[in-house]
Amino acid sequence: MNKEVLKSEEGNFDIVLNTLFVEDSEIYTAHQRLTAPGGVYLILGIPSIQCKFPIDYDYLSKNQINVTGTLACI
């Protein structure tokens, strides 16, 4: 998905399953913002600590989005 499509779908999904492994922080942020207020953002395979995995704390906390995931690394 390109960034414009992600922006147009912002806040439309109750559950977002993240299986992405990209190094573009804007894509990660846009993907997190797909989650609707009160929704769940599920990360399948949290990247290792060496990876720069941006969390959009401002958006996630203001919209009371639950973040959960697995530790199985990709």
PDB file of N, CA and C in Angstrom:
ATOM      1  N   MET A   1       0.839  -1.189   0.000  1.00  0.00           N
ATOM      2  CA  MET A   1       0.000   0.000   0.000  1.00  0.00           C
ATOM      3  C   MET A   1       0.875   1.240   0.000  1.00  0.00           C
ATOM      4  N   ASN A   2       0.446   2.232  -0.737  1.00  0.00           N
ATOM      5  CA  ASN A   2       1.209   3.471  -0.702  1.00  0.00           C
ATOM      6  C   ASN A   2       0.702   4.378   0.425  1.00  0.00           C
ATOM      7  N   LYS A   3       1.463   5.395   0.729  1.00  0.00           N
ATOM      8  CA  LYS A   3       1.164   6.265   1.876  1.00  0.00           C
ATOM      9  C   LYS A   3      -0.154   7.012   1.732  1.00  0.00           C
ATOM     10  N   GLU A   4      -0.532   7.358   0.495  1.00  0.00           N
ATOM     11  CA  GLU A   4      -1.789   8.082   0.279  1.00  0.00           C
ATOM     12  C   GLU A   4      -2.992   7.199   0.603  1.00  0.00           C
ATOM     13  N   VAL A   5      -2.912   5.928   0.218  1.00  0.00           N
ATOM     14  CA  VAL A   5      -4.000   4.987   0.519  1.00  0.00           C
ATOM     15  C   VAL A   5      -4.101   4.778   2.015  1.00  0.00           C
ATOM     16  N   LEU A   6      -2.958   4.600   2.674  1.00  0.00           N
ATOM     17  CA  LEU A   6      -2.965   4.429   4.126  1.00  0.00           C
ATOM     18  C   LEU A   6      -3.578   5.638   4.819  1.00  0.00           C
ATOM     19  N   LYS A   7      -3.228   6.831   4.377  1.00  0.00           N
ATOM     20  CA  LYS A   7      -3.767   8.060   4.969  1.00  0.00           C
ATOM     21  C   LYS A   7      -5.280   8.129   4.798  1.00  0.00           C
ATOM     22  N   SER A   8      -5.788   7.726   3.638  1.00  0.00           N
ATOM     23  CA  SER A   8      -7.233   7.800   3.380  1.00  0.00           C
ATOM     24  C   SER A   8      -8.030   6.805   4.225  1.00  0.00           C
ATOM     25  N   GLU A   9      -7.387   5.747   4.703  1.00  0.00           N
ATOM     26  CA  GLU A   9      -8.062   4.725   5.508  1.00  0.00           C
ATOM     27  C   GLU A   9      -7.817   4.881   7.012  1.00  0.00           C
ATOM     28  N   GLU A  10      -7.194   5.967   7.414  1.00  0.00           N
ATOM     29  CA  GLU A  10      -6.847   6.192   8.815  1.00  0.00           C
ATOM     30  C   GLU A  10      -8.063   6.070   9.735  1.00  0.00           C
ATOM     31  N   GLY A  11      -7.923   5.255  10.792  1.00  0.00           N
ATOM     32  CA  GLY A  11      -8.963   5.111  11.804  1.00  0.00           C
ATOM     33  C   GLY A  11     -10.166   4.287  11.396  1.00  0.00           C
ATOM     34  N   ASN A  12     -10.068   3.493  10.338  1.00  0.00           N
ATOM     35  CA  ASN A  12     -11.220   2.748   9.829  1.00  0.00           C
ATOM     36  C   ASN A  12     -11.325   1.301  10.296  1.00  0.00           C
ATOM     37  N   PHE A  13     -10.320   0.769  10.996  1.00  0.00           N
ATOM     38  CA  PHE A  13     -10.313  -0.655  11.309  1.00  0.00           C
ATOM     39  C   PHE A  13     -10.252  -0.904  12.807  1.00  0.00           C
ATOM     40  N   ASP A  14     -11.148  -1.766  13.309  1.00  0.00           N
ATOM     41  CA  ASP A  14     -11.169  -2.099  14.734  1.00  0.00           C
ATOM     42  C   ASP A  14      -9.951  -2.920  15.138  1.00  0.00           C
ATOM     43  N   ILE A  15      -9.488  -3.790  14.242  1.00  0.00           N
ATOM     44  CA  ILE A  15      -8.305  -4.611  14.504  1.00  0.00           C
ATOM     45  C   ILE A  15      -7.373  -4.481  13.314  1.00  0.00           C
ATOM     46  N   VAL A  16      -6.110  -4.185  13.594  1.00  0.00           N
ATOM     47  CA  VAL A  16      -5.094  -4.130  12.552  1.00  0.00           C
ATOM     48  C   VAL A  16      -4.011  -5.131  12.922  1.00  0.00           C
ATOM     49  N   LEU A  17      -3.725  -6.061  12.013  1.00  0.00           N
ATOM     50  CA  LEU A  17      -2.693  -7.068  12.206  1.00  0.00           C
ATOM     51  C   LEU A  17      -1.461  -6.641  11.424  1.00  0.00           C
ATOM     52  N   ASN A  18      -0.390  -6.337  12.126  1.00  0.00           N
ATOM     53  CA  ASN A  18       0.851  -5.901  11.495  1.00  0.00           C
ATOM     54  C   ASN A  18       1.758  -7.097  11.278  1.00  0.00           C
ATOM     55  N   THR A  19       1.993  -7.443  10.013  1.00  0.00           N
ATOM     56  CA  THR A  19       2.971  -8.466   9.653  1.00  0.00           C
ATOM     57  C   THR A  19       4.068  -7.828   8.812  1.00  0.00           C
ATOM     58  N   LEU A  20       4.153  -6.508   8.850  1.00  0.00           N
ATOM     59  CA  LEU A  20       5.111  -5.770   8.029  1.00  0.00           C
ATOM     60  C   LEU A  20       6.531  -5.912   8.551  1.00  0.00           C
ATOM     61  N   PHE A  21       7.461  -5.906   7.633  1.00  0.00           N
ATOM     62  CA  PHE A  21       8.859  -5.785   7.999  1.00  0.00           C
ATOM     63  C   PHE A  21       9.493  -4.868   6.970  1.00  0.00           C
ATOM     64  N   VAL A  22       9.310  -3.578   7.183  1.00  0.00           N
ATOM     65  CA  VAL A  22       9.874  -2.557   6.301  1.00  0.00           C
ATOM     66  C   VAL A  22      10.639  -1.557   7.157  1.00  0.00           C
ATOM     67  N   GLU A  23      11.577  -0.892   6.553  1.00  0.00           N
ATOM     68  CA  GLU A  23      12.382   0.066   7.308  1.00  0.00           C
ATOM     69  C   GLU A  23      11.903   1.498   7.142  1.00  0.00           C
ATOM     70  N   ASP A  24      10.773   1.699   6.505  1.00  0.00           N
ATOM     71  CA  ASP A  24      10.232   3.041   6.294  1.00  0.00           C
ATOM     72  C   ASP A  24       9.356   3.412   7.491  1.00  0.00           C
ATOM     73  N   SER A  25       9.855   4.322   8.323  1.00  0.00           N
ATOM     74  CA  SER A  25       9.123   4.677   9.541  1.00  0.00           C
ATOM     75  C   SER A  25       7.780   5.330   9.232  1.00  0.00           C
ATOM     76  N   GLU A  26       7.663   6.019   8.105  1.00  0.00           N
ATOM     77  CA  GLU A  26       6.386   6.637   7.735  1.00  0.00           C
ATOM     78  C   GLU A  26       5.330   5.572   7.440  1.00  0.00           C
ATOM     79  N   ILE A  27       5.728   4.468   6.826  1.00  0.00           N
ATOM     80  CA  ILE A  27       4.791   3.368   6.553  1.00  0.00           C
ATOM     81  C   ILE A  27       4.322   2.749   7.866  1.00  0.00           C
ATOM     82  N   TYR A  28       5.248   2.509   8.808  1.00  0.00           N
ATOM     83  CA  TYR A  28       4.869   1.961  10.112  1.00  0.00           C
ATOM     84  C   TYR A  28       3.879   2.881  10.825  1.00  0.00           C
ATOM     85  N   THR A  29       4.168   4.163  10.844  1.00  0.00           N
ATOM     86  CA  THR A  29       3.291   5.120  11.507  1.00  0.00           C
ATOM     87  C   THR A  29       1.925   5.144  10.835  1.00  0.00           C
ATOM     88  N   ALA A  30       1.901   5.194   9.523  1.00  0.00           N
ATOM     89  CA  ALA A  30       0.631   5.207   8.788  1.00  0.00           C
ATOM     90  C   ALA A  30      -0.152   3.924   9.036  1.00  0.00           C
ATOM     91  N   HIS A  31       0.548   2.800   9.131  1.00  0.00           N
ATOM     92  CA  HIS A  31      -0.115   1.515   9.380  1.00  0.00           C
ATOM     93  C   HIS A  31      -0.756   1.495  10.760  1.00  0.00           C
ATOM     94  N   GLN A  32      -0.070   2.032  11.756  1.00  0.00           N
ATOM     95  CA  GLN A  32      -0.628   2.094  13.106  1.00  0.00           C
ATOM     96  C   GLN A  32      -1.879   2.960  13.139  1.00  0.00           C
ATOM     97  N   ARG A  33      -1.879   4.004  12.342  1.00  0.00           N
ATOM     98  CA  ARG A  33      -3.008   4.933  12.320  1.00  0.00           C
ATOM     99  C   ARG A  33      -4.226   4.389  11.583  1.00  0.00           C
ATOM    100  N   LEU A  34      -4.135   3.185  11.034  1.00  0.00           N
ATOM    101  CA  LEU A  34      -5.314   2.539  10.451  1.00  0.00           C
ATOM    102  C   LEU A  34      -6.284   2.094  11.542  1.00  0.00           C
ATOM    103  N   THR A  35      -5.770   1.912  12.750  1.00  0.00           N
ATOM    104  CA  THR A  35      -6.569   1.411  13.865  1.00  0.00           C
ATOM    105  C   THR A  35      -7.562   2.466  14.346  1.00  0.00           C
ATOM    106  N   ALA A  36      -8.812   2.050  14.494  1.00  0.00           N
ATOM    107  CA  ALA A  36      -9.875   2.938  14.959  1.00  0.00           C
ATOM    108  C   ALA A  36      -9.726   3.192  16.463  1.00  0.00           C
ATOM    109  N   PRO A  37     -10.261   4.317  16.943  1.00  0.00           N
ATOM    110  CA  PRO A  37     -10.252   4.572  18.384  1.00  0.00           C
ATOM    111  C   PRO A  37     -10.868   3.395  19.145  1.00  0.00           C
ATOM    112  N   GLY A  38     -10.190   2.963  20.201  1.00  0.00           N
ATOM    113  CA  GLY A  38     -10.652   1.830  20.996  1.00  0.00           C
ATOM    114  C   GLY A  38     -10.329   0.485  20.373  1.00  0.00           C
ATOM    115  N   GLY A  39      -9.605   0.488  19.265  1.00  0.00           N
ATOM    116  CA  GLY A  39      -9.282  -0.747  18.558  1.00  0.00           C
ATOM    117  C   GLY A  39      -8.041  -1.439  19.095  1.00  0.00           C
ATOM    118  N   VAL A  40      -7.625  -2.458  18.360  1.00  0.00           N
ATOM    119  CA  VAL A  40      -6.465  -3.261  18.741  1.00  0.00           C
ATOM    120  C   VAL A  40      -5.457  -3.257  17.603  1.00  0.00           C
ATOM    121  N   TYR A  41      -4.214  -2.968  17.936  1.00  0.00           N
ATOM    122  CA  TYR A  41      -3.113  -3.029  16.981  1.00  0.00           C
ATOM    123  C   TYR A  41      -2.257  -4.220  17.374  1.00  0.00           C
ATOM    124  N   LEU A  42      -2.279  -5.280  16.559  1.00  0.00           N
ATOM    125  CA  LEU A  42      -1.614  -6.546  16.863  1.00  0.00           C
ATOM    126  C   LEU A  42      -0.380  -6.690  15.991  1.00  0.00           C
ATOM    127  N   ILE A  43       0.771  -6.845  16.630  1.00  0.00           N
ATOM    128  CA  ILE A  43       2.037  -6.968  15.919  1.00  0.00           C
ATOM    129  C   ILE A  43       2.463  -8.432  15.953  1.00  0.00           C
ATOM    130  N   LEU A  44       2.538  -9.053  14.789  1.00  0.00           N
ATOM    131  CA  LEU A  44       2.960 -10.443  14.696  1.00  0.00           C
ATOM    132  C   LEU A  44       4.452 -10.470  14.393  1.00  0.00           C
ATOM    133  N   GLY A  45       5.245 -10.881  15.362  1.00  0.00           N
ATOM    134  CA  GLY A  45       6.683 -10.922  15.186  1.00  0.00           C
ATOM    135  C   GLY A  45       7.321  -9.572  15.412  1.00  0.00           C
ATOM    136  N   ILE A  46       7.440  -9.164  16.666  1.00  0.00           N
ATOM    137  CA  ILE A  46       8.046  -7.875  17.000  1.00  0.00           C
ATOM    138  C   ILE A  46       9.503  -7.890  16.562  1.00  0.00           C
ATOM    139  N   PRO A  47       9.942  -6.869  15.820  1.00  0.00           N
ATOM    140  CA  PRO A  47      11.338  -6.823  15.375  1.00  0.00           C
ATOM    141  C   PRO A  47      12.315  -6.783  16.552  1.00  0.00           C
ATOM    142  N   SER A  48      13.545  -7.209  16.291  1.00  0.00           N
ATOM    143  CA  SER A  48      14.563  -7.216  17.342  1.00  0.00           C
ATOM    144  C   SER A  48      14.866  -5.787  17.790  1.00  0.00           C
ATOM    145  N   ILE A  49      15.534  -5.675  18.906  1.00  0.00           N
ATOM    146  CA  ILE A  49      15.850  -4.376  19.495  1.00  0.00           C
ATOM    147  C   ILE A  49      16.740  -3.541  18.581  1.00  0.00           C
ATOM    148  N   GLN A  50      17.499  -4.189  17.703  1.00  0.00           N
ATOM    149  CA  GLN A  50      18.376  -3.461  16.788  1.00  0.00           C
ATOM    150  C   GLN A  50      17.596  -2.727  15.701  1.00  0.00           C
ATOM    151  N   CYS A  51      16.388  -3.179  15.418  1.00  0.00           N
ATOM    152  CA  CYS A  51      15.560  -2.531  14.403  1.00  0.00           C
ATOM    153  C   CYS A  51      14.936  -1.266  14.984  1.00  0.00           C
ATOM    154  N   LYS A  52      14.879  -0.254  14.191  1.00  0.00           N
ATOM    155  CA  LYS A  52      14.221   0.993  14.610  1.00  0.00           C
ATOM    156  C   LYS A  52      12.731   0.835  14.312  1.00  0.00           C
ATOM    157  N   PHE A  53      11.968   0.428  15.313  1.00  0.00           N
ATOM    158  CA  PHE A  53      10.533   0.209  15.155  1.00  0.00           C
ATOM    159  C   PHE A  53       9.788   1.378  15.778  1.00  0.00           C
ATOM    160  N   PRO A  54       9.311   2.315  14.956  1.00  0.00           N
ATOM    161  CA  PRO A  54       8.655   3.506  15.507  1.00  0.00           C
ATOM    162  C   PRO A  54       7.242   3.207  16.011  1.00  0.00           C
ATOM    163  N   ILE A  55       6.974   3.650  17.208  1.00  0.00           N
ATOM    164  CA  ILE A  55       5.634   3.541  17.779  1.00  0.00           C
ATOM    165  C   ILE A  55       5.043   4.948  17.827  1.00  0.00           C
ATOM    166  N   ASP A  56       3.838   5.097  17.310  1.00  0.00           N
ATOM    167  CA  ASP A  56       3.151   6.392  17.311  1.00  0.00           C
ATOM    168  C   ASP A  56       2.391   6.536  18.625  1.00  0.00           C
ATOM    169  N   TYR A  57       3.149   6.765  19.697  1.00  0.00           N
ATOM    170  CA  TYR A  57       2.565   6.834  21.041  1.00  0.00           C
ATOM    171  C   TYR A  57       1.449   7.874  21.143  1.00  0.00           C
ATOM    172  N   ASP A  58       1.639   8.995  20.511  1.00  0.00           N
ATOM    173  CA  ASP A  58       0.652  10.067  20.574  1.00  0.00           C
ATOM    174  C   ASP A  58      -0.702   9.590  20.042  1.00  0.00           C
ATOM    175  N   TYR A  59      -0.726   9.036  18.840  1.00  0.00           N
ATOM    176  CA  TYR A  59      -1.977   8.576  18.231  1.00  0.00           C
ATOM    177  C   TYR A  59      -2.572   7.402  19.014  1.00  0.00           C
ATOM    178  N   LEU A  60      -1.731   6.429  19.362  1.00  0.00           N
ATOM    179  CA  LEU A  60      -2.220   5.230  20.041  1.00  0.00           C
ATOM    180  C   LEU A  60      -2.803   5.542  21.414  1.00  0.00           C
ATOM    181  N   SER A  61      -2.147   6.413  22.181  1.00  0.00           N
ATOM    182  CA  SER A  61      -2.645   6.711  23.524  1.00  0.00           C
ATOM    183  C   SER A  61      -3.862   7.628  23.492  1.00  0.00           C
ATOM    184  N   LYS A  62      -3.862   8.628  22.637  1.00  0.00           N
ATOM    185  CA  LYS A  62      -5.014   9.531  22.556  1.00  0.00           C
ATOM    186  C   LYS A  62      -6.284   8.812  22.120  1.00  0.00           C
ATOM    187  N   ASN A  63      -6.127   7.758  21.324  1.00  0.00           N
ATOM    188  CA  ASN A  63      -7.285   7.020  20.813  1.00  0.00           C
ATOM    189  C   ASN A  63      -7.541   5.729  21.577  1.00  0.00           C
ATOM    190  N   GLN A  64      -6.850   5.537  22.694  1.00  0.00           N
ATOM    191  CA  GLN A  64      -7.027   4.383  23.571  1.00  0.00           C
ATOM    192  C   GLN A  64      -6.969   3.073  22.791  1.00  0.00           C
ATOM    193  N   ILE A  65      -5.945   2.957  21.975  1.00  0.00           N
ATOM    194  CA  ILE A  65      -5.730   1.757  21.172  1.00  0.00           C
ATOM    195  C   ILE A  65      -4.871   0.781  21.955  1.00  0.00           C
ATOM    196  N   ASN A  66      -5.319  -0.469  22.027  1.00  0.00           N
ATOM    197  CA  ASN A  66      -4.566  -1.522  22.694  1.00  0.00           C
ATOM    198  C   ASN A  66      -3.526  -2.065  21.727  1.00  0.00           C
ATOM    199  N   VAL A  67      -2.294  -2.194  22.211  1.00  0.00           N
ATOM    200  CA  VAL A  67      -1.209  -2.739  21.398  1.00  0.00           C
ATOM    201  C   VAL A  67      -0.803  -4.063  22.026  1.00  0.00           C
ATOM    202  N   THR A  68      -0.756  -5.105  21.213  1.00  0.00           N
ATOM    203  CA  THR A  68      -0.346  -6.418  21.664  1.00  0.00           C
ATOM    204  C   THR A  68       0.433  -7.096  20.555  1.00  0.00           C
ATOM    205  N   GLY A  69       1.111  -8.173  20.885  1.00  0.00           N
ATOM    206  CA  GLY A  69       1.873  -8.847  19.847  1.00  0.00           C
ATOM    207  C   GLY A  69       2.593 -10.064  20.343  1.00  0.00           C
ATOM    208  N   THR A  70       3.351 -10.661  19.433  1.00  0.00           N
ATOM    209  CA  THR A  70       4.134 -11.835  19.750  1.00  0.00           C
ATOM    210  C   THR A  70       5.605 -11.478  19.725  1.00  0.00           C
ATOM    211  N   LEU A  71       6.396 -12.245  20.420  1.00  0.00           N
ATOM    212  CA  LEU A  71       7.831 -12.017  20.439  1.00  0.00           C
ATOM    213  C   LEU A  71       8.561 -12.830  19.386  1.00  0.00           C
ATOM    214  N   ALA A  72       7.842 -13.632  18.637  1.00  0.00           N
ATOM    215  CA  ALA A  72       8.463 -14.443  17.580  1.00  0.00           C
ATOM    216  C   ALA A  72       9.020 -13.515  16.527  1.00  0.00           C
ATOM    217  N   CYS A  73      10.314 -13.403  16.471  1.00  0.00           N
ATOM    218  CA  CYS A  73      10.950 -12.467  15.535  1.00  0.00           C
ATOM    219  C   CYS A  73      10.891 -13.004  14.109  1.00  0.00           C
ATOM    220  N   ILE A  74      10.848 -12.067  13.198  1.00  0.00           N
ATOM    221  CA  ILE A  74      10.785 -12.399  11.761  1.00  0.00           C
ATOM    222  C   ILE A  74      12.174 -12.726  11.277  1.00  0.00           C
TER     223      ILE A  74
END
